[in-house]
Amino acid sequence: MTRNIETFRTDWNGITIEIRYEPKWLNIETSFDPAHLEIESIDPPRAALPITETGYKSHFTSRETIAAYGGAVAYVEAWLETESQAPDWRIVQQQQQQLSLF
């Protein structure tokens, strides 16, 4: 079975992110063949993102959803922007910006 994994890099708020996109994850001819995304912060390595505290995220969706956003990079960037507005992420950002005496 030949796998088709597309790899992209993008910058989001100073973090280099690698996006690996496999449009046909199961690679079978059925009505259900999910697309798979792997999102990983590369520089700094495994930096927290609004969609993952560990800097790595595996996510399944449909090819149609990815296409509706204009591709894997646009989908991930829109997802990051949406989640970056969440109160939990804003707290994480504030904590990272504050200096600690201990």
C-alpha atoms as a PDB file:
ATOM      1  CA  MET A   1       0.000   0.000   0.000  1.00  0.00           C
ATOM      2  CA  THR A   2       1.478   3.322  -1.058  1.00  0.00           C
ATOM      3  CA  ARG A   3       0.898   6.215   1.314  1.00  0.00           C
ATOM      4  CA  ASN A   4       0.560   9.789   0.117  1.00  0.00           C
ATOM      5  CA  ILE A   5       1.710  12.151   2.876  1.00  0.00           C
ATOM      6  CA  GLU A   6       2.122  15.814   2.051  1.00  0.00           C
ATOM      7  CA  THR A   7       4.436  17.832   4.319  1.00  0.00           C
ATOM      8  CA  PHE A   8       4.243  21.581   4.854  1.00  0.00           C
ATOM      9  CA  ARG A   9       5.881  24.105   7.157  1.00  0.00           C
ATOM     10  CA  THR A  10       4.381  27.348   8.343  1.00  0.00           C
ATOM     11  CA  ASP A  11       5.091  29.977  10.962  1.00  0.00           C
ATOM     12  CA  TRP A  12       2.474  30.777  13.565  1.00  0.00           C
ATOM     13  CA  ASN A  13       3.289  33.542  16.070  1.00  0.00           C
ATOM     14  CA  GLY A  14       7.017  32.860  15.823  1.00  0.00           C
ATOM     15  CA  ILE A  15       6.653  29.074  16.095  1.00  0.00           C
ATOM     16  CA  THR A  16       7.642  26.925  13.124  1.00  0.00           C
ATOM     17  CA  ILE A  17       5.045  24.226  12.635  1.00  0.00           C
ATOM     18  CA  GLU A  18       5.263  21.127  10.478  1.00  0.00           C
ATOM     19  CA  ILE A  19       1.988  19.832   9.071  1.00  0.00           C
ATOM     20  CA  ARG A  20       1.808  16.328   7.647  1.00  0.00           C
ATOM     21  CA  TYR A  21      -1.378  15.676   5.704  1.00  0.00           C
ATOM     22  CA  GLU A  22      -2.556  12.316   4.421  1.00  0.00           C
ATOM     23  CA  PRO A  23      -5.738  12.881   2.386  1.00  0.00           C
ATOM     24  CA  LYS A  24      -6.639   9.176   2.209  1.00  0.00           C
ATOM     25  CA  TRP A  25      -5.545   7.739   5.548  1.00  0.00           C
ATOM     26  CA  LEU A  26      -7.178   4.315   5.120  1.00  0.00           C
ATOM     27  CA  ASN A  27      -6.488   4.303   1.378  1.00  0.00           C
ATOM     28  CA  ILE A  28      -9.632   2.333   0.605  1.00  0.00           C
ATOM     29  CA  GLU A  29     -12.462   2.977  -1.797  1.00  0.00           C
ATOM     30  CA  THR A  30     -15.421   3.522   0.513  1.00  0.00           C
ATOM     31  CA  SER A  31     -17.591   6.450   1.469  1.00  0.00           C
ATOM     32  CA  PHE A  32     -15.606   6.742   4.719  1.00  0.00           C
ATOM     33  CA  ASP A  33     -11.906   7.351   4.234  1.00  0.00           C
ATOM     34  CA  PRO A  34     -10.764   9.981   6.727  1.00  0.00           C
ATOM     35  CA  ALA A  35      -7.982  12.433   6.128  1.00  0.00           C
ATOM     36  CA  HIS A  36      -5.246  12.575   8.760  1.00  0.00           C
ATOM     37  CA  LEU A  37      -3.282  15.582   9.980  1.00  0.00           C
ATOM     38  CA  GLU A  38      -0.197  15.559  12.169  1.00  0.00           C
ATOM     39  CA  ILE A  39       0.721  18.957  13.545  1.00  0.00           C
ATOM     40  CA  GLU A  40       4.034  19.437  15.345  1.00  0.00           C
ATOM     41  CA  SER A  41       5.870  22.510  16.532  1.00  0.00           C
ATOM     42  CA  ILE A  42       9.436  22.247  15.235  1.00  0.00           C
ATOM     43  CA  ASP A  43      11.096  25.474  16.399  1.00  0.00           C
ATOM     44  CA  PRO A  44      11.032  25.739  19.293  1.00  0.00           C
ATOM     45  CA  PRO A  45      10.669  21.966  19.500  1.00  0.00           C
ATOM     46  CA  ARG A  46       7.349  20.795  20.872  1.00  0.00           C
ATOM     47  CA  ALA A  47       6.267  24.296  21.881  1.00  0.00           C
ATOM     48  CA  ALA A  48       2.725  24.456  23.204  1.00  0.00           C
ATOM     49  CA  LEU A  49       0.060  25.499  20.719  1.00  0.00           C
ATOM     50  CA  PRO A  50      -3.586  26.446  21.287  1.00  0.00           C
ATOM     51  CA  ILE A  51      -4.589  22.997  19.991  1.00  0.00           C
ATOM     52  CA  THR A  52      -2.020  20.988  21.991  1.00  0.00           C
ATOM     53  CA  GLU A  53      -0.044  21.469  25.195  1.00  0.00           C
ATOM     54  CA  THR A  54       2.619  19.012  24.013  1.00  0.00           C
ATOM     55  CA  GLY A  55       3.374  20.569  20.634  1.00  0.00           C
ATOM     56  CA  TYR A  56       2.038  17.513  18.769  1.00  0.00           C
ATOM     57  CA  LYS A  57      -1.475  16.802  17.549  1.00  0.00           C
ATOM     58  CA  SER A  58      -2.917  13.934  15.527  1.00  0.00           C
ATOM     59  CA  HIS A  59      -6.274  14.850  14.036  1.00  0.00           C
ATOM     60  CA  PHE A  60      -8.758  13.137  11.725  1.00  0.00           C
ATOM     61  CA  THR A  61     -11.217  14.987   9.528  1.00  0.00           C
ATOM     62  CA  SER A  62     -12.520  14.764   5.979  1.00  0.00           C
ATOM     63  CA  ARG A  63     -10.788  15.751   2.746  1.00  0.00           C
ATOM     64  CA  GLU A  64     -13.812  17.926   2.000  1.00  0.00           C
ATOM     65  CA  THR A  65     -13.310  19.914   5.205  1.00  0.00           C
ATOM     66  CA  ILE A  66      -9.630  20.495   4.412  1.00  0.00           C
ATOM     67  CA  ALA A  67     -10.508  21.520   0.851  1.00  0.00           C
ATOM     68  CA  ALA A  68     -13.174  23.948   2.101  1.00  0.00           C
ATOM     69  CA  TYR A  69     -10.457  25.868   3.954  1.00  0.00           C
ATOM     70  CA  GLY A  70      -8.183  25.925   0.928  1.00  0.00           C
ATOM     71  CA  GLY A  71      -5.803  23.170   2.020  1.00  0.00           C
ATOM     72  CA  ALA A  72      -4.095  21.711   5.066  1.00  0.00           C
ATOM     73  CA  VAL A  73      -2.051  24.788   5.967  1.00  0.00           C
ATOM     74  CA  ALA A  74      -5.046  27.133   5.789  1.00  0.00           C
ATOM     75  CA  TYR A  75      -7.117  24.666   7.838  1.00  0.00           C
ATOM     76  CA  VAL A  76      -4.490  24.425  10.599  1.00  0.00           C
ATOM     77  CA  GLU A  77      -3.875  28.183  10.649  1.00  0.00           C
ATOM     78  CA  ALA A  78      -7.622  28.864  10.974  1.00  0.00           C
ATOM     79  CA  TRP A  79      -7.868  26.256  13.750  1.00  0.00           C
ATOM     80  CA  LEU A  80      -4.942  27.834  15.621  1.00  0.00           C
ATOM     81  CA  GLU A  81      -6.394  31.335  15.282  1.00  0.00           C
ATOM     82  CA  THR A  82      -9.788  30.202  16.557  1.00  0.00           C
ATOM     83  CA  GLU A  83      -8.371  28.303  19.529  1.00  0.00           C
ATOM     84  CA  SER A  84      -5.951  31.112  20.395  1.00  0.00           C
ATOM     85  CA  GLN A  85      -8.975  33.186  21.413  1.00  0.00           C
ATOM     86  CA  ALA A  86      -9.935  30.691  24.140  1.00  0.00           C
ATOM     87  CA  PRO A  87      -9.494  31.879  27.746  1.00  0.00           C
ATOM     88  CA  ASP A  88      -7.330  28.836  28.601  1.00  0.00           C
ATOM     89  CA  TRP A  89      -4.811  29.691  25.874  1.00  0.00           C
ATOM     90  CA  ARG A  90      -4.679  33.321  26.942  1.00  0.00           C
ATOM     91  CA  ILE A  91      -3.776  32.178  30.471  1.00  0.00           C
ATOM     92  CA  VAL A  92      -0.993  29.977  29.078  1.00  0.00           C
ATOM     93  CA  GLN A  93       0.334  32.920  27.055  1.00  0.00           C
ATOM     94  CA  GLN A  94       0.290  35.209  30.082  1.00  0.00           C
ATOM     95  CA  GLN A  95       2.136  32.641  32.196  1.00  0.00           C
ATOM     96  CA  GLN A  96       4.808  32.238  29.515  1.00  0.00           C
ATOM     97  CA  GLN A  97       5.358  35.985  29.346  1.00  0.00           C
ATOM     98  CA  GLN A  98       5.647  36.536  33.112  1.00  0.00           C
ATOM     99  CA  LEU A  99       9.024  36.272  34.731  1.00  0.00           C
ATOM    100  CA  SER A 100       9.356  33.823  37.584  1.00  0.00           C
ATOM    101  CA  LEU A 101      11.497  34.455  40.665  1.00  0.00           C
ATOM    102  CA  PHE A 102      11.534  30.765  41.550  1.00  0.00           C
END
